[in-house]
Amino acid sequence: MRSELAVLAIVWMTVSASPASLCNCCAAGTEQSCAAVCEPVKPPQGQCVPSIDYDGSATIAPNVNPLYDITLRNIWLGTPSFGELESFRKLIEAARKGVERDRKSTLQAFARREIDQATADAAAKRYETAIVNYYLGLQAYRDAFRDM
């Protein structure tokens, strides 16, 4: 019974968590799946602007999280509908929960001496960066909601 619950928990944690995903809109090298979303974004050469693909799907799994990938500073939300804006909020909330699960897992692994201090420190830095991204995303959500 315990092993079945563990398998269900792993499957649940690796399922796509949200009907939205983040796109890294660089002036060059934008991913093909984000091309339509990034078309109206015109970043300077060599810079990247995050945007939201409201029709995309983000995967949140152990050590895989949209809050790890790109900074949400200057995120471009476009002109979302209320439903689209809500899907973005759900995405960042689900991503934050994933970050917290990863942090807990890292702390447990360090306590069991499965990882060394350097690995634990790198994970702590990644956690701090992800939490900053969470708050940047939450602020963008609040600003967009206020402007509706």
C-alpha atoms as a PDB file:
ATOM      1  CA  MET A   1       0.000   0.000   0.000  1.00  0.00           C
ATOM      2  CA  ARG A   2       2.812   2.414   0.868  1.00  0.00           C
ATOM      3  CA  SER A   3       4.621   1.794  -2.402  1.00  0.00           C
ATOM      4  CA  GLU A   4       1.395   2.388  -4.349  1.00  0.00           C
ATOM      5  CA  LEU A   5       0.913   5.720  -2.600  1.00  0.00           C
ATOM      6  CA  ALA A   6       4.518   6.678  -3.343  1.00  0.00           C
ATOM      7  CA  VAL A   7       4.027   5.897  -7.045  1.00  0.00           C
ATOM      8  CA  LEU A   8       0.816   7.951  -7.122  1.00  0.00           C
ATOM      9  CA  ALA A   9       2.592  10.862  -5.436  1.00  0.00           C
ATOM     10  CA  ILE A  10       5.423  10.775  -8.002  1.00  0.00           C
ATOM     11  CA  VAL A  11       2.963  10.640 -10.908  1.00  0.00           C
ATOM     12  CA  TRP A  12       0.978  13.534  -9.438  1.00  0.00           C
ATOM     13  CA  MET A  13       4.121  15.636  -8.949  1.00  0.00           C
ATOM     14  CA  THR A  14       5.273  15.165 -12.566  1.00  0.00           C
ATOM     15  CA  VAL A  15       1.958  15.936 -14.270  1.00  0.00           C
ATOM     16  CA  SER A  16       1.564  19.258 -16.006  1.00  0.00           C
ATOM     17  CA  ALA A  17       0.367  21.651 -13.399  1.00  0.00           C
ATOM     18  CA  SER A  18      -1.149  24.503 -15.298  1.00  0.00           C
ATOM     19  CA  PRO A  19      -2.795  25.486 -18.543  1.00  0.00           C
ATOM     20  CA  ALA A  20      -0.144  28.184 -19.061  1.00  0.00           C
ATOM     21  CA  SER A  21       3.604  28.222 -19.489  1.00  0.00           C
ATOM     22  CA  LEU A  22       6.443  30.717 -19.482  1.00  0.00           C
ATOM     23  CA  CYS A  23       8.304  31.666 -22.632  1.00  0.00           C
ATOM     24  CA  ASN A  24      11.749  33.224 -22.832  1.00  0.00           C
ATOM     25  CA  CYS A  25      11.417  35.791 -25.633  1.00  0.00           C
ATOM     26  CA  CYS A  26      15.006  36.483 -26.658  1.00  0.00           C
ATOM     27  CA  ALA A  27      15.782  38.634 -29.656  1.00  0.00           C
ATOM     28  CA  ALA A  28      17.436  35.537 -31.115  1.00  0.00           C
ATOM     29  CA  GLY A  29      16.887  31.893 -30.321  1.00  0.00           C
ATOM     30  CA  THR A  30      13.243  31.934 -29.165  1.00  0.00           C
ATOM     31  CA  GLU A  31      11.837  28.429 -28.815  1.00  0.00           C
ATOM     32  CA  GLN A  32       9.530  27.374 -31.657  1.00  0.00           C
ATOM     33  CA  SER A  33       6.618  26.679 -29.278  1.00  0.00           C
ATOM     34  CA  CYS A  34       6.813  30.291 -28.016  1.00  0.00           C
ATOM     35  CA  ALA A  35       7.242  32.004 -31.391  1.00  0.00           C
ATOM     36  CA  ALA A  36       3.633  33.217 -31.661  1.00  0.00           C
ATOM     37  CA  VAL A  37       3.567  34.467 -28.074  1.00  0.00           C
ATOM     38  CA  CYS A  38       6.888  36.250 -28.434  1.00  0.00           C
ATOM     39  CA  GLU A  39       6.135  37.874 -31.806  1.00  0.00           C
ATOM     40  CA  PRO A  40       4.707  41.111 -30.316  1.00  0.00           C
ATOM     41  CA  VAL A  41       7.594  41.344 -27.829  1.00  0.00           C
ATOM     42  CA  LYS A  42      10.532  43.288 -29.231  1.00  0.00           C
ATOM     43  CA  PRO A  43      13.481  42.945 -26.840  1.00  0.00           C
ATOM     44  CA  PRO A  44      16.821  44.581 -27.625  1.00  0.00           C
ATOM     45  CA  GLN A  45      19.361  42.313 -29.306  1.00  0.00           C
ATOM     46  CA  GLY A  46      20.892  39.895 -26.804  1.00  0.00           C
ATOM     47  CA  GLN A  47      18.237  40.420 -24.143  1.00  0.00           C
ATOM     48  CA  CYS A  48      15.355  38.208 -23.130  1.00  0.00           C
ATOM     49  CA  VAL A  49      11.872  39.134 -21.984  1.00  0.00           C
ATOM     50  CA  PRO A  50       9.671  36.524 -20.343  1.00  0.00           C
ATOM     51  CA  SER A  51       6.131  36.179 -21.653  1.00  0.00           C
ATOM     52  CA  ILE A  52       3.196  33.864 -21.054  1.00  0.00           C
ATOM     53  CA  ASP A  53       1.843  31.225 -23.400  1.00  0.00           C
ATOM     54  CA  TYR A  54      -1.716  31.008 -22.099  1.00  0.00           C
ATOM     55  CA  ASP A  55      -2.390  27.969 -24.294  1.00  0.00           C
ATOM     56  CA  GLY A  56       0.811  26.175 -23.262  1.00  0.00           C
ATOM     57  CA  SER A  57       1.392  23.716 -20.487  1.00  0.00           C
ATOM     58  CA  ALA A  58       4.159  23.927 -17.905  1.00  0.00           C
ATOM     59  CA  THR A  59       5.671  20.854 -16.295  1.00  0.00           C
ATOM     60  CA  ILE A  60       6.427  21.019 -12.592  1.00  0.00           C
ATOM     61  CA  ALA A  61       8.342  17.991 -11.366  1.00  0.00           C
ATOM     62  CA  PRO A  62      11.253  17.332  -9.020  1.00  0.00           C
ATOM     63  CA  ASN A  63      14.004  19.812 -10.034  1.00  0.00           C
ATOM     64  CA  VAL A  64      11.957  20.973 -13.047  1.00  0.00           C
ATOM     65  CA  ASN A  65      10.137  24.245 -12.548  1.00  0.00           C
ATOM     66  CA  PRO A  66       9.359  27.315 -14.649  1.00  0.00           C
ATOM     67  CA  LEU A  67      10.551  29.544 -11.795  1.00  0.00           C
ATOM     68  CA  TYR A  68      14.059  28.088 -12.214  1.00  0.00           C
ATOM     69  CA  ASP A  69      14.416  28.804 -15.912  1.00  0.00           C
ATOM     70  CA  ILE A  70      14.204  32.561 -16.464  1.00  0.00           C
ATOM     71  CA  THR A  71      13.874  35.715 -14.420  1.00  0.00           C
ATOM     72  CA  LEU A  72      10.384  37.176 -14.315  1.00  0.00           C
ATOM     73  CA  ARG A  73      11.693  40.719 -14.054  1.00  0.00           C
ATOM     74  CA  ASN A  74       9.956  42.796 -16.771  1.00  0.00           C
ATOM     75  CA  ILE A  75       7.574  39.953 -17.621  1.00  0.00           C
ATOM     76  CA  TRP A  76       5.178  40.758 -20.458  1.00  0.00           C
ATOM     77  CA  LEU A  77       1.636  39.479 -19.908  1.00  0.00           C
ATOM     78  CA  GLY A  78       0.071  41.027 -22.996  1.00  0.00           C
ATOM     79  CA  THR A  79      -3.615  41.874 -22.631  1.00  0.00           C
ATOM     80  CA  PRO A  80      -4.983  38.770 -20.924  1.00  0.00           C
ATOM     81  CA  SER A  81      -8.619  37.990 -20.274  1.00  0.00           C
ATOM     82  CA  PHE A  82      -9.623  37.324 -16.703  1.00  0.00           C
ATOM     83  CA  GLY A  83      -9.416  33.557 -17.333  1.00  0.00           C
ATOM     84  CA  GLU A  84      -5.958  33.829 -18.852  1.00  0.00           C
ATOM     85  CA  LEU A  85      -4.752  35.966 -15.978  1.00  0.00           C
ATOM     86  CA  GLU A  86      -6.123  33.415 -13.536  1.00  0.00           C
ATOM     87  CA  SER A  87      -4.282  30.602 -15.357  1.00  0.00           C
ATOM     88  CA  PHE A  88      -1.051  32.587 -14.923  1.00  0.00           C
ATOM     89  CA  ARG A  89      -1.738  32.964 -11.195  1.00  0.00           C
ATOM     90  CA  LYS A  90      -2.381  29.235 -10.919  1.00  0.00           C
ATOM     91  CA  LEU A  91       0.868  28.559 -12.773  1.00  0.00           C
ATOM     92  CA  ILE A  92       2.999  30.636 -10.418  1.00  0.00           C
ATOM     93  CA  GLU A  93       1.247  29.201  -7.338  1.00  0.00           C
ATOM     94  CA  ALA A  94       1.775  25.624  -8.533  1.00  0.00           C
ATOM     95  CA  ALA A  95       5.388  26.460  -9.404  1.00  0.00           C
ATOM     96  CA  ARG A  96       5.966  27.895  -5.907  1.00  0.00           C
ATOM     97  CA  LYS A  97       4.622  24.705  -4.337  1.00  0.00           C
ATOM     98  CA  GLY A  98       7.016  22.727  -6.542  1.00  0.00           C
ATOM     99  CA  VAL A  99       9.922  24.914  -5.414  1.00  0.00           C
ATOM    100  CA  GLU A 100       8.989  24.256  -1.779  1.00  0.00           C
ATOM    101  CA  ARG A 101       8.852  20.486  -2.423  1.00  0.00           C
ATOM    102  CA  ASP A 102      12.310  20.619  -4.030  1.00  0.00           C
ATOM    103  CA  ARG A 103      13.672  22.595  -1.075  1.00  0.00           C
ATOM    104  CA  LYS A 104      12.274  20.090   1.415  1.00  0.00           C
ATOM    105  CA  SER A 105      13.703  17.202  -0.589  1.00  0.00           C
ATOM    106  CA  THR A 106      17.123  18.876  -0.722  1.00  0.00           C
ATOM    107  CA  LEU A 107      17.144  19.520   3.027  1.00  0.00           C
ATOM    108  CA  GLN A 108      16.238  15.893   3.693  1.00  0.00           C
ATOM    109  CA  ALA A 109      18.927  14.638   1.314  1.00  0.00           C
ATOM    110  CA  PHE A 110      21.505  16.844   3.017  1.00  0.00           C
ATOM    111  CA  ALA A 111      20.437  15.603   6.460  1.00  0.00           C
ATOM    112  CA  ARG A 112      20.850  12.003   5.242  1.00  0.00           C
ATOM    113  CA  ARG A 113      24.278  12.972   3.804  1.00  0.00           C
ATOM    114  CA  GLU A 114      23.187  12.038   0.286  1.00  0.00           C
ATOM    115  CA  ILE A 115      24.431  15.390  -1.036  1.00  0.00           C
ATOM    116  CA  ASP A 116      27.408  17.514  -0.032  1.00  0.00           C
ATOM    117  CA  GLN A 117      27.491  21.100   1.246  1.00  0.00           C
ATOM    118  CA  ALA A 118      28.245  22.586  -2.184  1.00  0.00           C
ATOM    119  CA  THR A 119      25.222  20.871  -3.737  1.00  0.00           C
ATOM    120  CA  ALA A 120      23.024  21.989  -0.837  1.00  0.00           C
ATOM    121  CA  ASP A 121      24.310  25.568  -1.184  1.00  0.00           C
ATOM    122  CA  ALA A 122      23.583  25.562  -4.936  1.00  0.00           C
ATOM    123  CA  ALA A 123      20.070  24.286  -4.270  1.00  0.00           C
ATOM    124  CA  ALA A 124      19.548  26.990  -1.635  1.00  0.00           C
ATOM    125  CA  LYS A 125      20.638  29.673  -4.128  1.00  0.00           C
ATOM    126  CA  ARG A 126      18.294  28.231  -6.767  1.00  0.00           C
ATOM    127  CA  TYR A 127      15.467  28.285  -4.202  1.00  0.00           C
ATOM    128  CA  GLU A 128      16.109  31.940  -3.335  1.00  0.00           C
ATOM    129  CA  THR A 129      16.135  32.918  -7.011  1.00  0.00           C
ATOM    130  CA  ALA A 130      12.903  30.992  -7.645  1.00  0.00           C
ATOM    131  CA  ILE A 131      11.149  32.690  -4.721  1.00  0.00           C
ATOM    132  CA  VAL A 132      12.188  36.099  -6.077  1.00  0.00           C
ATOM    133  CA  ASN A 133      10.724  35.027  -9.440  1.00  0.00           C
ATOM    134  CA  TYR A 134       7.523  33.967  -7.691  1.00  0.00           C
ATOM    135  CA  TYR A 135       7.134  37.413  -6.118  1.00  0.00           C
ATOM    136  CA  LEU A 136       7.949  39.140  -9.418  1.00  0.00           C
ATOM    137  CA  GLY A 137       5.264  37.039 -11.116  1.00  0.00           C
ATOM    138  CA  LEU A 138       2.780  37.740  -8.340  1.00  0.00           C
ATOM    139  CA  GLN A 139       3.434  41.483  -8.667  1.00  0.00           C
ATOM    140  CA  ALA A 140       2.894  41.293 -12.442  1.00  0.00           C
ATOM    141  CA  TYR A 141      -0.377  39.449 -11.799  1.00  0.00           C
ATOM    142  CA  ARG A 142      -1.531  42.102  -9.320  1.00  0.00           C
ATOM    143  CA  ASP A 143      -0.605  44.922 -11.688  1.00  0.00           C
ATOM    144  CA  ALA A 144      -2.452  43.305 -14.596  1.00  0.00           C
ATOM    145  CA  PHE A 145      -5.481  42.549 -12.409  1.00  0.00           C
ATOM    146  CA  ARG A 146      -5.580  46.160 -11.206  1.00  0.00           C
ATOM    147  CA  ASP A 147      -5.435  47.418 -14.797  1.00  0.00           C
ATOM    148  CA  MET A 148      -8.350  45.261 -15.988  1.00  0.00           C
END
